[in-house]
Amino acid sequence: RDPDAFHRQISVPSNSEGQVRELTSTLILSNFRVNSFIKCEFEIRYRYKPVIQKTAKMADFGRMCRFT
């Protein structure tokens, strides 16, 4: 249950809009826009737990995703 396991492979191109699927298929980022004050909708899928859906501000999202 490494807290970094579900986002270590994620990168989002700047000025992009669309969907990113994490390589291990544990995290799906959808409906995101790279902006100063964007809000990101993301789903964290656990193997034995229901999907958690949440909306986060850029400050929270930045901890989960590397922006390139």
Protein backbone atom coordinates (compact mmCIF):
# COMPACT_ATOMS: atom_id res chain seq x y z
CA ARG A 1 0.00 0.00 0.00
CA ASP A 2 2.68 2.41 -1.09
CA PRO A 3 1.07 5.88 -1.20
CA ASP A 4 3.12 6.68 -4.30
CA ALA A 5 2.24 3.47 -6.10
CA PHE A 6 -0.81 4.83 -7.88
CA HIS A 7 0.79 7.97 -9.31
CA ARG A 8 4.46 7.30 -9.89
CA GLN A 9 3.99 6.83 -13.63
CA ILE A 10 1.62 9.70 -14.29
CA SER A 11 2.61 12.74 -16.28
CA VAL A 12 0.33 15.33 -17.83
CA PRO A 13 1.44 17.49 -20.76
CA SER A 14 1.02 21.20 -20.17
CA ASN A 15 -1.80 23.10 -21.85
CA SER A 16 -3.59 19.85 -22.57
CA GLU A 17 -7.10 18.63 -22.03
CA GLY A 18 -8.27 15.07 -22.02
CA GLN A 19 -7.82 11.84 -20.16
CA VAL A 20 -4.80 10.13 -18.66
CA ARG A 21 -4.71 6.54 -17.56
CA GLU A 22 -2.04 5.52 -15.11
CA LEU A 23 0.14 2.69 -16.43
CA THR A 24 -0.85 0.33 -13.63
CA SER A 25 -4.52 1.11 -14.24
CA THR A 26 -5.02 2.04 -10.61
CA LEU A 27 -5.68 5.72 -11.20
CA ILE A 28 -7.73 7.38 -13.90
CA LEU A 29 -7.63 11.14 -14.39
CA SER A 30 -10.42 12.54 -16.48
CA ASN A 31 -11.87 15.89 -17.49
CA PHE A 32 -8.77 17.81 -16.52
CA ARG A 33 -7.54 21.11 -17.84
CA VAL A 34 -4.08 22.45 -17.12
CA ASN A 35 -4.68 25.94 -15.80
CA SER A 36 -3.73 28.09 -12.85
CA PHE A 37 -6.83 27.25 -10.86
CA ILE A 38 -8.00 24.04 -12.48
CA LYS A 39 -10.05 21.44 -10.73
CA CYS A 40 -9.36 17.83 -11.53
CA GLU A 41 -11.76 14.95 -11.32
CA PHE A 42 -10.00 11.70 -10.64
CA GLU A 43 -10.83 8.18 -9.66
CA ILE A 44 -8.63 6.10 -7.38
CA ARG A 45 -9.30 2.43 -7.96
CA TYR A 46 -8.27 0.03 -5.22
CA ARG A 47 -8.12 -3.68 -5.75
CA TYR A 48 -10.51 -4.52 -2.91
CA LYS A 49 -12.26 -1.21 -2.38
CA PRO A 50 -14.90 0.72 -4.31
CA VAL A 51 -13.84 3.56 -6.55
CA ILE A 52 -13.28 6.85 -4.80
CA GLN A 53 -14.40 9.85 -6.81
CA LYS A 54 -13.26 13.28 -5.84
CA THR A 55 -12.63 16.81 -7.07
CA ALA A 56 -9.42 18.54 -6.07
CA LYS A 57 -7.81 21.89 -6.65
CA MET A 58 -4.48 22.19 -8.38
CA ALA A 59 -2.66 22.28 -5.05
CA ASP A 60 -4.05 18.89 -4.10
CA PHE A 61 -3.75 17.47 -7.60
CA GLY A 62 -0.12 18.49 -7.86
CA ARG A 63 0.79 16.06 -5.12
CA MET A 64 -0.63 13.23 -7.17
CA CYS A 65 0.69 14.07 -10.61
CA ARG A 66 3.90 15.29 -12.19
CA PHE A 67 3.32 18.08 -14.67
CA THR A 68 5.76 18.19 -17.56
